[in-house]
Amino acid sequence: MEEMKWARFFAEVEPLVNRLTARYAPGFWREEAKQVARIACWQNAHRYDAGRGAKLSTFLFVIVRRALADFYEREALWRSRHLLPVSGDEEGPGWEETLMAVEKPMEEALVWESWMVLVSDTEAACLTLHIRDGLPLRDVAMCLGMTYEAVKKQKQRALARLRTRLSPQGLSSFLPKEI
C-alpha cells in the first residue's frame, strides 16, 4: 500500500518537475535535473503541513527551485575545477567543444596528445584516465598504483599547468619572436 501512495504522490508531482526542468537542454542535463527535483520532493514530503496554509504544490515548488539552484551551482563549481581550459582566447570554445568539433577520432586523439605534451607523463596518465576515459579518481589511483590523494594532486597540478600554458599569455611564450 505504501508503494501505491508514493506512486500517486509522484504522479501528482511530475507536472511540476517537468515545468521547472524545461529550461534545461533536452538530454542528460534535463534528466539529471528531474532526478534532483524528484529526490528533493521525496526527501521533503514529510515536512509538509497543510495546517500552515500553503498548498502542497506551492511547498514543493519552493523546495524544488532551491534544489535545482543548488544543483546548478554545484555543477558550475565542478566544471570550473575539473574541465580543461580553453585553448587560445577566453572567448573561444572549451575543450569539450574542441574535441566535439573534430570530425575524425584520429583528429581528436591529436588534439588530446598536443595537450598532454604540456604536462608530465604521470599527470597525462591521470588526466587521460579521469577526463577522457571517465574513470573516478579512486579507480585511476588503483590503475596507476598510487594513492587517491596523489592522483588528486597530480590532476590539480596538470590542470593548473594547462590553464597557464594554454592561456593567451602562456601561448605567446611558444610563438617565435619577431625580428
N, C-alpha and C. Protein backbone atom coordinates (compact mmCIF):
# COMPACT_ATOMS: atom_id res chain seq x y z
N MET A 1 0.82 -1.20 0.00
CA MET A 1 0.00 0.00 0.00
C MET A 1 0.86 1.27 0.00
N GLU A 2 1.98 1.22 0.72
CA GLU A 2 2.87 2.38 0.80
C GLU A 2 3.42 2.73 -0.59
N GLU A 3 3.72 1.71 -1.37
CA GLU A 3 4.26 1.94 -2.70
C GLU A 3 3.23 2.63 -3.60
N MET A 4 1.98 2.27 -3.47
CA MET A 4 0.91 2.91 -4.26
C MET A 4 0.78 4.38 -3.87
N LYS A 5 0.92 4.66 -2.58
CA LYS A 5 0.83 6.04 -2.10
C LYS A 5 1.94 6.89 -2.72
N TRP A 6 3.16 6.37 -2.75
CA TRP A 6 4.28 7.09 -3.35
C TRP A 6 4.09 7.26 -4.85
N ALA A 7 3.56 6.23 -5.51
CA ALA A 7 3.33 6.32 -6.96
C ALA A 7 2.33 7.43 -7.27
N ARG A 8 1.26 7.54 -6.47
CA ARG A 8 0.28 8.61 -6.67
C ARG A 8 0.92 9.98 -6.39
N PHE A 9 1.72 10.04 -5.34
CA PHE A 9 2.40 11.29 -5.00
C PHE A 9 3.26 11.77 -6.16
N PHE A 10 4.08 10.88 -6.71
CA PHE A 10 4.96 11.29 -7.80
C PHE A 10 4.20 11.55 -9.08
N ALA A 11 3.05 10.91 -9.28
CA ALA A 11 2.21 11.22 -10.44
C ALA A 11 1.68 12.66 -10.34
N GLU A 12 1.39 13.11 -9.13
CA GLU A 12 0.94 14.49 -8.92
C GLU A 12 2.09 15.49 -9.06
N VAL A 13 3.27 15.09 -8.65
CA VAL A 13 4.42 15.99 -8.63
C VAL A 13 5.08 16.11 -10.00
N GLU A 14 4.95 15.10 -10.84
CA GLU A 14 5.66 15.07 -12.12
C GLU A 14 5.41 16.29 -13.01
N PRO A 15 4.17 16.80 -13.13
CA PRO A 15 4.00 18.02 -13.95
C PRO A 15 4.80 19.21 -13.41
N LEU A 16 4.88 19.35 -12.11
CA LEU A 16 5.69 20.42 -11.51
C LEU A 16 7.16 20.23 -11.85
N VAL A 17 7.65 19.01 -11.73
CA VAL A 17 9.04 18.70 -12.05
C VAL A 17 9.33 19.01 -13.52
N ASN A 18 8.42 18.60 -14.40
CA ASN A 18 8.61 18.86 -15.83
C ASN A 18 8.63 20.35 -16.14
N ARG A 19 7.76 21.10 -15.50
CA ARG A 19 7.70 22.54 -15.75
C ARG A 19 8.98 23.23 -15.27
N LEU A 20 9.48 22.85 -14.11
CA LEU A 20 10.66 23.51 -13.57
C LEU A 20 11.96 23.10 -14.25
N THR A 21 11.98 21.93 -14.88
CA THR A 21 13.21 21.47 -15.54
C THR A 21 13.18 21.71 -17.05
N ALA A 22 12.14 22.32 -17.55
CA ALA A 22 12.02 22.54 -19.00
C ALA A 22 13.09 23.50 -19.53
N ARG A 23 13.68 24.31 -18.67
CA ARG A 23 14.69 25.27 -19.14
C ARG A 23 16.04 24.61 -19.41
N TYR A 24 16.24 23.38 -18.93
CA TYR A 24 17.48 22.67 -19.20
C TYR A 24 17.42 22.08 -20.61
N ALA A 25 18.56 21.95 -21.24
CA ALA A 25 18.61 21.38 -22.58
C ALA A 25 18.13 19.93 -22.54
N PRO A 26 17.40 19.50 -23.56
CA PRO A 26 16.94 18.11 -23.58
C PRO A 26 18.13 17.16 -23.54
N GLY A 27 17.94 16.07 -22.89
CA GLY A 27 19.01 15.07 -22.81
C GLY A 27 19.47 14.86 -21.39
N PHE A 28 20.77 14.64 -21.25
CA PHE A 28 21.35 14.25 -19.97
C PHE A 28 21.07 15.25 -18.86
N TRP A 29 21.32 16.55 -19.10
CA TRP A 29 21.21 17.54 -18.02
C TRP A 29 19.76 17.72 -17.58
N ARG A 30 18.81 17.63 -18.50
CA ARG A 30 17.41 17.73 -18.10
C ARG A 30 17.01 16.54 -17.24
N GLU A 31 17.45 15.35 -17.63
CA GLU A 31 17.13 14.15 -16.84
C GLU A 31 17.78 14.21 -15.46
N GLU A 32 19.02 14.71 -15.40
CA GLU A 32 19.67 14.89 -14.10
C GLU A 32 18.90 15.86 -13.23
N ALA A 33 18.47 16.97 -13.82
CA ALA A 33 17.70 17.98 -13.07
C ALA A 33 16.38 17.39 -12.59
N LYS A 34 15.73 16.57 -13.41
CA LYS A 34 14.48 15.93 -13.00
C LYS A 34 14.71 15.01 -11.81
N GLN A 35 15.81 14.26 -11.85
CA GLN A 35 16.11 13.37 -10.73
C GLN A 35 16.39 14.17 -9.45
N VAL A 36 17.11 15.26 -9.57
CA VAL A 36 17.37 16.12 -8.41
C VAL A 36 16.06 16.64 -7.84
N ALA A 37 15.15 17.07 -8.72
CA ALA A 37 13.85 17.58 -8.28
C ALA A 37 13.02 16.49 -7.61
N ARG A 38 13.01 15.30 -8.18
CA ARG A 38 12.24 14.18 -7.59
C ARG A 38 12.80 13.81 -6.22
N ILE A 39 14.10 13.77 -6.11
CA ILE A 39 14.72 13.42 -4.82
C ILE A 39 14.39 14.48 -3.78
N ALA A 40 14.44 15.75 -4.17
CA ALA A 40 14.10 16.84 -3.23
C ALA A 40 12.65 16.70 -2.76
N CYS A 41 11.75 16.37 -3.67
CA CYS A 41 10.34 16.16 -3.28
C CYS A 41 10.22 15.01 -2.30
N TRP A 42 10.89 13.92 -2.62
CA TRP A 42 10.82 12.73 -1.77
C TRP A 42 11.41 13.00 -0.38
N GLN A 43 12.52 13.72 -0.33
CA GLN A 43 13.17 13.99 0.95
C GLN A 43 12.39 14.97 1.82
N ASN A 44 11.60 15.85 1.21
CA ASN A 44 10.93 16.90 1.97
C ASN A 44 9.42 16.73 2.09
N ALA A 45 8.86 15.69 1.52
CA ALA A 45 7.40 15.49 1.56
C ALA A 45 6.89 15.36 2.99
N HIS A 46 7.66 14.76 3.85
CA HIS A 46 7.23 14.56 5.24
C HIS A 46 7.16 15.88 6.02
N ARG A 47 7.81 16.93 5.53
CA ARG A 47 7.81 18.22 6.21
C ARG A 47 6.58 19.08 5.91
N TYR A 48 5.80 18.66 4.91
CA TYR A 48 4.63 19.45 4.51
C TYR A 48 3.57 19.42 5.60
N ASP A 49 3.04 20.60 5.93
CA ASP A 49 1.98 20.73 6.92
C ASP A 49 0.85 21.54 6.29
N ALA A 50 -0.25 20.89 6.00
CA ALA A 50 -1.40 21.56 5.36
C ALA A 50 -1.97 22.64 6.27
N GLY A 51 -1.80 22.53 7.57
CA GLY A 51 -2.32 23.50 8.53
C GLY A 51 -1.64 24.85 8.45
N ARG A 52 -0.54 24.95 7.75
CA ARG A 52 0.17 26.23 7.66
C ARG A 52 -0.35 27.11 6.53
N GLY A 53 -1.29 26.59 5.74
CA GLY A 53 -1.97 27.43 4.75
C GLY A 53 -1.46 27.33 3.33
N ALA A 54 -0.37 26.66 3.08
CA ALA A 54 0.16 26.56 1.72
C ALA A 54 -0.27 25.24 1.10
N LYS A 55 -0.48 25.26 -0.22
CA LYS A 55 -0.80 24.03 -0.92
C LYS A 55 0.48 23.20 -1.05
N LEU A 56 0.31 21.92 -1.25
CA LEU A 56 1.45 21.02 -1.41
C LEU A 56 2.28 21.45 -2.63
N SER A 57 1.63 21.83 -3.72
CA SER A 57 2.36 22.23 -4.92
C SER A 57 3.21 23.48 -4.66
N THR A 58 2.70 24.41 -3.88
CA THR A 58 3.46 25.62 -3.54
C THR A 58 4.67 25.27 -2.69
N PHE A 59 4.46 24.42 -1.70
CA PHE A 59 5.54 23.97 -0.82
C PHE A 59 6.64 23.29 -1.64
N LEU A 60 6.24 22.38 -2.53
CA LEU A 60 7.22 21.64 -3.32
C LEU A 60 7.89 22.53 -4.37
N PHE A 61 7.17 23.52 -4.88
CA PHE A 61 7.75 24.45 -5.84
C PHE A 61 8.97 25.13 -5.23
N VAL A 62 8.85 25.60 -4.01
CA VAL A 62 9.95 26.28 -3.33
C VAL A 62 11.11 25.31 -3.09
N ILE A 63 10.78 24.10 -2.65
CA ILE A 63 11.80 23.08 -2.37
C ILE A 63 12.56 22.73 -3.66
N VAL A 64 11.82 22.49 -4.73
CA VAL A 64 12.44 22.07 -5.99
C VAL A 64 13.28 23.20 -6.59
N ARG A 65 12.79 24.43 -6.53
CA ARG A 65 13.58 25.55 -7.07
C ARG A 65 14.92 25.67 -6.34
N ARG A 66 14.89 25.53 -5.02
CA ARG A 66 16.12 25.61 -4.24
C ARG A 66 17.06 24.45 -4.59
N ALA A 67 16.50 23.25 -4.72
CA ALA A 67 17.32 22.08 -5.04
C ALA A 67 17.95 22.23 -6.42
N LEU A 68 17.20 22.75 -7.39
CA LEU A 68 17.75 22.94 -8.73
C LEU A 68 18.81 24.04 -8.75
N ALA A 69 18.61 25.08 -7.97
CA ALA A 69 19.62 26.14 -7.89
C ALA A 69 20.91 25.59 -7.28
N ASP A 70 20.78 24.79 -6.23
CA ASP A 70 21.96 24.17 -5.62
C ASP A 70 22.66 23.23 -6.60
N PHE A 71 21.86 22.46 -7.35
CA PHE A 71 22.40 21.54 -8.35
C PHE A 71 23.20 22.31 -9.40
N TYR A 72 22.62 23.40 -9.89
CA TYR A 72 23.29 24.20 -10.92
C TYR A 72 24.59 24.79 -10.37
N GLU A 73 24.58 25.29 -9.15
CA GLU A 73 25.79 25.86 -8.55
C GLU A 73 26.88 24.80 -8.36
N ARG A 74 26.48 23.59 -7.89
CA ARG A 74 27.46 22.51 -7.72
C ARG A 74 28.07 22.11 -9.05
N GLU A 75 27.25 22.00 -10.08
CA GLU A 75 27.75 21.63 -11.40
C GLU A 75 28.69 22.70 -11.95
N ALA A 76 28.33 23.96 -11.79
CA ALA A 76 29.19 25.05 -12.28
C ALA A 76 30.52 25.04 -11.54
N LEU A 77 30.49 24.82 -10.24
CA LEU A 77 31.73 24.75 -9.45
C LEU A 77 32.57 23.57 -9.89
N TRP A 78 31.94 22.41 -10.08
CA TRP A 78 32.68 21.21 -10.51
C TRP A 78 33.32 21.46 -11.87
N ARG A 79 32.56 22.03 -12.81
CA ARG A 79 33.10 22.28 -14.14
C ARG A 79 34.27 23.26 -14.10
N SER A 80 34.17 24.29 -13.24
CA SER A 80 35.26 25.26 -13.17
C SER A 80 36.54 24.64 -12.63
N ARG A 81 36.41 23.59 -11.84
CA ARG A 81 37.60 22.98 -11.23
C ARG A 81 38.13 21.79 -12.02
N HIS A 82 37.28 21.15 -12.84
CA HIS A 82 37.68 19.90 -13.46
C HIS A 82 37.83 19.92 -14.97
N LEU A 83 37.26 20.87 -15.66
CA LEU A 83 37.35 20.86 -17.10
C LEU A 83 38.63 21.54 -17.56
N LEU A 84 39.11 21.08 -18.68
CA LEU A 84 40.32 21.68 -19.23
C LEU A 84 40.03 23.09 -19.69
N PRO A 85 41.03 23.93 -19.71
CA PRO A 85 40.82 25.31 -20.13
C PRO A 85 40.60 25.41 -21.63
N VAL A 86 40.17 26.57 -22.05
CA VAL A 86 40.03 26.81 -23.48
C VAL A 86 41.41 27.00 -24.06
N SER A 87 41.54 26.67 -25.32
CA SER A 87 42.83 26.89 -25.97
C SER A 87 42.75 28.20 -26.73
N GLY A 88 43.70 29.07 -26.51
CA GLY A 88 43.68 30.36 -27.18
C GLY A 88 42.98 31.39 -26.32
N ASP A 89 42.13 32.20 -26.95
CA ASP A 89 41.47 33.27 -26.20
C ASP A 89 40.33 32.72 -25.35
N GLU A 90 39.96 33.45 -24.33
CA GLU A 90 38.93 33.02 -23.40
C GLU A 90 37.54 32.99 -24.02
N GLU A 91 37.37 33.65 -25.17
CA GLU A 91 36.07 33.68 -25.82
C GLU A 91 35.84 32.44 -26.66
N GLY A 92 36.86 31.68 -26.94
CA GLY A 92 36.76 30.52 -27.83
C GLY A 92 36.10 29.34 -27.16
N PRO A 93 35.97 28.24 -27.90
CA PRO A 93 35.32 27.05 -27.36
C PRO A 93 36.18 26.37 -26.31
N GLY A 94 35.55 25.64 -25.40
CA GLY A 94 36.25 24.89 -24.38
C GLY A 94 36.78 23.59 -24.93
N TRP A 95 37.39 22.77 -24.08
CA TRP A 95 37.98 21.52 -24.55
C TRP A 95 36.93 20.57 -25.06
N GLU A 96 35.72 20.55 -24.44
CA GLU A 96 34.67 19.65 -24.91
C GLU A 96 34.26 20.02 -26.34
N GLU A 97 34.05 21.32 -26.57
CA GLU A 97 33.64 21.76 -27.89
C GLU A 97 34.75 21.51 -28.91
N THR A 98 35.99 21.67 -28.51
CA THR A 98 37.10 21.43 -29.42
C THR A 98 37.14 19.97 -29.84
N LEU A 99 36.97 19.06 -28.87
CA LEU A 99 37.01 17.65 -29.19
C LEU A 99 35.78 17.22 -29.99
N MET A 100 34.62 17.85 -29.73
CA MET A 100 33.42 17.50 -30.47
C MET A 100 33.45 18.06 -31.89
N ALA A 101 34.20 19.13 -32.11
CA ALA A 101 34.22 19.78 -33.41
C ALA A 101 35.07 19.00 -34.42
N VAL A 102 36.00 18.21 -33.95
CA VAL A 102 36.83 17.46 -34.89
C VAL A 102 35.99 16.35 -35.51
N GLU A 103 36.26 16.08 -36.77
CA GLU A 103 35.40 15.16 -37.50
C GLU A 103 35.80 13.70 -37.33
N LYS A 104 37.06 13.46 -37.07
CA LYS A 104 37.53 12.08 -37.01
C LYS A 104 38.13 11.81 -35.64
N PRO A 105 37.99 10.56 -35.16
CA PRO A 105 38.62 10.21 -33.88
C PRO A 105 40.13 10.44 -33.89
N MET A 106 40.77 10.29 -35.04
CA MET A 106 42.20 10.50 -35.12
C MET A 106 42.56 11.95 -34.82
N GLU A 107 41.75 12.90 -35.33
CA GLU A 107 42.00 14.30 -35.05
C GLU A 107 41.81 14.60 -33.56
N GLU A 108 40.81 13.98 -32.96
CA GLU A 108 40.58 14.16 -31.52
C GLU A 108 41.80 13.68 -30.75
N ALA A 109 42.32 12.54 -31.14
CA ALA A 109 43.50 12.00 -30.46
C ALA A 109 44.68 12.94 -30.60
N LEU A 110 44.82 13.57 -31.77
CA LEU A 110 45.93 14.50 -31.97
C LEU A 110 45.79 15.74 -31.10
N VAL A 111 44.56 16.26 -30.97
CA VAL A 111 44.33 17.42 -30.10
C VAL A 111 44.66 17.04 -28.66
N TRP A 112 44.18 15.88 -28.21
CA TRP A 112 44.43 15.44 -26.85
C TRP A 112 45.93 15.28 -26.62
N GLU A 113 46.62 14.64 -27.55
CA GLU A 113 48.06 14.42 -27.41
C GLU A 113 48.83 15.74 -27.37
N SER A 114 48.37 16.71 -28.14
CA SER A 114 49.06 18.00 -28.12
C SER A 114 48.93 18.68 -26.76
N TRP A 115 47.84 18.43 -26.08
CA TRP A 115 47.67 18.98 -24.73
C TRP A 115 48.50 18.20 -23.72
N MET A 116 48.59 16.89 -23.89
CA MET A 116 49.27 16.05 -22.90
C MET A 116 50.78 16.21 -22.97
N VAL A 117 51.30 16.75 -24.07
CA VAL A 117 52.73 17.02 -24.18
C VAL A 117 53.14 18.10 -23.18
N LEU A 118 52.19 18.95 -22.81
CA LEU A 118 52.48 20.08 -21.93
C LEU A 118 52.58 19.69 -20.45
N VAL A 119 52.24 18.45 -20.11
CA VAL A 119 52.28 18.00 -18.71
C VAL A 119 53.18 16.79 -18.60
N SER A 120 53.49 16.40 -17.35
CA SER A 120 54.35 15.23 -17.14
C SER A 120 53.60 13.95 -17.53
N ASP A 121 54.34 12.86 -17.63
CA ASP A 121 53.74 11.58 -18.02
C ASP A 121 52.70 11.11 -17.01
N THR A 122 53.02 11.26 -15.73
CA THR A 122 52.08 10.85 -14.69
C THR A 122 50.82 11.70 -14.71
N GLU A 123 51.00 13.00 -14.87
CA GLU A 123 49.85 13.90 -14.95
C GLU A 123 49.00 13.58 -16.18
N ALA A 124 49.65 13.30 -17.29
CA ALA A 124 48.93 12.95 -18.51
C ALA A 124 48.13 11.66 -18.33
N ALA A 125 48.73 10.68 -17.67
CA ALA A 125 48.02 9.42 -17.41
C ALA A 125 46.80 9.66 -16.53
N CYS A 126 46.97 10.48 -15.49
CA CYS A 126 45.85 10.79 -14.59
C CYS A 126 44.72 11.49 -15.34
N LEU A 127 45.07 12.50 -16.14
CA LEU A 127 44.05 13.24 -16.88
C LEU A 127 43.37 12.36 -17.92
N THR A 128 44.13 11.55 -18.60
CA THR A 128 43.56 10.70 -19.64
C THR A 128 42.58 9.70 -19.04
N LEU A 129 42.98 9.06 -17.97
CA LEU A 129 42.08 8.08 -17.35
C LEU A 129 40.86 8.74 -16.72
N HIS A 130 41.06 9.91 -16.11
CA HIS A 130 39.95 10.56 -15.40
C HIS A 130 39.02 11.32 -16.35
N ILE A 131 39.57 12.18 -17.19
CA ILE A 131 38.72 13.04 -18.02
C ILE A 131 38.33 12.35 -19.32
N ARG A 132 39.28 11.81 -20.02
CA ARG A 132 38.98 11.25 -21.34
C ARG A 132 38.27 9.91 -21.22
N ASP A 133 38.71 9.05 -20.29
CA ASP A 133 38.09 7.73 -20.16
C ASP A 133 36.95 7.72 -19.14
N GLY A 134 36.84 8.78 -18.34
CA GLY A 134 35.71 8.91 -17.42
C GLY A 134 35.80 8.10 -16.14
N LEU A 135 36.98 7.67 -15.76
CA LEU A 135 37.11 6.90 -14.53
C LEU A 135 37.12 7.82 -13.31
N PRO A 136 36.50 7.39 -12.20
CA PRO A 136 36.62 8.17 -10.97
C PRO A 136 38.08 8.17 -10.48
N LEU A 137 38.42 9.17 -9.69
CA LEU A 137 39.81 9.28 -9.22
C LEU A 137 40.27 8.06 -8.43
N ARG A 138 39.38 7.44 -7.68
CA ARG A 138 39.76 6.25 -6.91
C ARG A 138 40.16 5.11 -7.85
N ASP A 139 39.44 4.95 -8.96
CA ASP A 139 39.80 3.92 -9.93
C ASP A 139 41.11 4.25 -10.64
N VAL A 140 41.32 5.53 -10.92
CA VAL A 140 42.58 5.96 -11.53
C VAL A 140 43.74 5.62 -10.60
N ALA A 141 43.54 5.88 -9.32
CA ALA A 141 44.59 5.56 -8.33
C ALA A 141 44.91 4.07 -8.34
N MET A 142 43.88 3.25 -8.41
CA MET A 142 44.11 1.79 -8.44
C MET A 142 44.84 1.39 -9.73
N CYS A 143 44.45 1.96 -10.86
CA CYS A 143 45.10 1.64 -12.14
C CYS A 143 46.57 2.01 -12.15
N LEU A 144 46.88 3.15 -11.58
CA LEU A 144 48.26 3.65 -11.61
C LEU A 144 49.08 3.21 -10.40
N GLY A 145 48.45 2.55 -9.43
CA GLY A 145 49.17 2.11 -8.24
C GLY A 145 49.59 3.25 -7.35
N MET A 146 48.76 4.29 -7.31
CA MET A 146 49.06 5.46 -6.50
C MET A 146 47.96 5.63 -5.45
N THR A 147 48.19 6.50 -4.49
CA THR A 147 47.15 6.81 -3.52
C THR A 147 46.15 7.78 -4.16
N TYR A 148 44.97 7.81 -3.59
CA TYR A 148 43.93 8.72 -4.08
C TYR A 148 44.40 10.17 -4.00
N GLU A 149 45.04 10.52 -2.88
CA GLU A 149 45.49 11.89 -2.68
C GLU A 149 46.55 12.28 -3.71
N ALA A 150 47.44 11.34 -4.03
CA ALA A 150 48.49 11.62 -5.02
C ALA A 150 47.88 11.85 -6.41
N VAL A 151 46.89 11.04 -6.76
CA VAL A 151 46.23 11.20 -8.06
C VAL A 151 45.49 12.53 -8.12
N LYS A 152 44.83 12.87 -7.02
CA LYS A 152 44.10 14.14 -6.96
C LYS A 152 45.07 15.31 -7.13
N LYS A 153 46.21 15.24 -6.49
CA LYS A 153 47.21 16.31 -6.59
C LYS A 153 47.78 16.39 -8.00
N GLN A 154 48.05 15.23 -8.61
CA GLN A 154 48.56 15.21 -9.99
C GLN A 154 47.56 15.86 -10.94
N LYS A 155 46.27 15.56 -10.75
CA LYS A 155 45.24 16.16 -11.60
C LYS A 155 45.19 17.67 -11.43
N GLN A 156 45.23 18.12 -10.19
CA GLN A 156 45.20 19.56 -9.92
C GLN A 156 46.39 20.27 -10.54
N ARG A 157 47.57 19.68 -10.40
CA ARG A 157 48.78 20.29 -10.97
C ARG A 157 48.70 20.34 -12.50
N ALA A 158 48.23 19.25 -13.09
CA ALA A 158 48.13 19.19 -14.55
C ALA A 158 47.15 20.23 -15.07
N LEU A 159 46.00 20.35 -14.45
CA LEU A 159 45.01 21.34 -14.90
C LEU A 159 45.54 22.76 -14.73
N ALA A 160 46.23 23.00 -13.62
CA ALA A 160 46.82 24.33 -13.41
C ALA A 160 47.88 24.62 -14.48
N ARG A 161 48.71 23.63 -14.78
CA ARG A 161 49.74 23.81 -15.80
C ARG A 161 49.11 24.06 -17.18
N LEU A 162 48.05 23.32 -17.51
CA LEU A 162 47.38 23.52 -18.80
C LEU A 162 46.71 24.88 -18.87
N ARG A 163 46.09 25.29 -17.77
CA ARG A 163 45.47 26.62 -17.76
C ARG A 163 46.50 27.71 -18.03
N THR A 164 47.67 27.55 -17.42
CA THR A 164 48.74 28.54 -17.59
C THR A 164 49.30 28.50 -19.00
N ARG A 165 49.60 27.31 -19.49
CA ARG A 165 50.26 27.19 -20.79
C ARG A 165 49.32 27.42 -21.96
N LEU A 166 48.02 27.14 -21.79
CA LEU A 166 47.07 27.34 -22.89
C LEU A 166 46.40 28.71 -22.84
N SER A 167 46.73 29.51 -21.84
CA SER A 167 46.19 30.87 -21.79
C SER A 167 46.87 31.71 -22.87
N PRO A 168 46.26 32.82 -23.26
CA PRO A 168 46.89 33.65 -24.29
C PRO A 168 48.31 34.09 -23.92
N GLN A 169 48.56 34.39 -22.64
CA GLN A 169 49.90 34.80 -22.23
C GLN A 169 50.87 33.61 -22.32
N GLY A 170 50.40 32.44 -21.92
CA GLY A 170 51.27 31.26 -21.98
C GLY A 170 51.58 30.82 -23.40
N LEU A 171 50.61 30.96 -24.30
CA LEU A 171 50.85 30.60 -25.69
C LEU A 171 51.86 31.52 -26.35
N SER A 172 51.91 32.77 -25.91
CA SER A 172 52.85 33.70 -26.53
C SER A 172 54.30 33.29 -26.29
N SER A 173 54.57 32.56 -25.21
CA SER A 173 55.94 32.12 -24.96
C SER A 173 56.37 31.03 -25.93
N PHE A 174 55.41 30.32 -26.56
CA PHE A 174 55.74 29.29 -27.52
C PHE A 174 55.87 29.83 -28.93
N LEU A 175 55.37 31.03 -29.17
CA LEU A 175 55.40 31.61 -30.51
C LEU A 175 56.78 32.18 -30.78
N PRO A 176 57.24 32.11 -32.04
CA PRO A 176 58.55 32.66 -32.34
C PRO A 176 58.53 34.19 -32.22
N LYS A 177 59.63 34.71 -31.74
CA LYS A 177 59.76 36.15 -31.60
C LYS A 177 60.04 36.76 -32.97
N GLU A 178 59.43 37.92 -33.20
CA GLU A 178 59.66 38.60 -34.48
C GLU A 178 60.99 39.33 -34.42
N ILE A 179 61.65 39.36 -35.52
CA ILE A 179 62.96 40.00 -35.58
C ILE A 179 62.81 41.45 -35.96
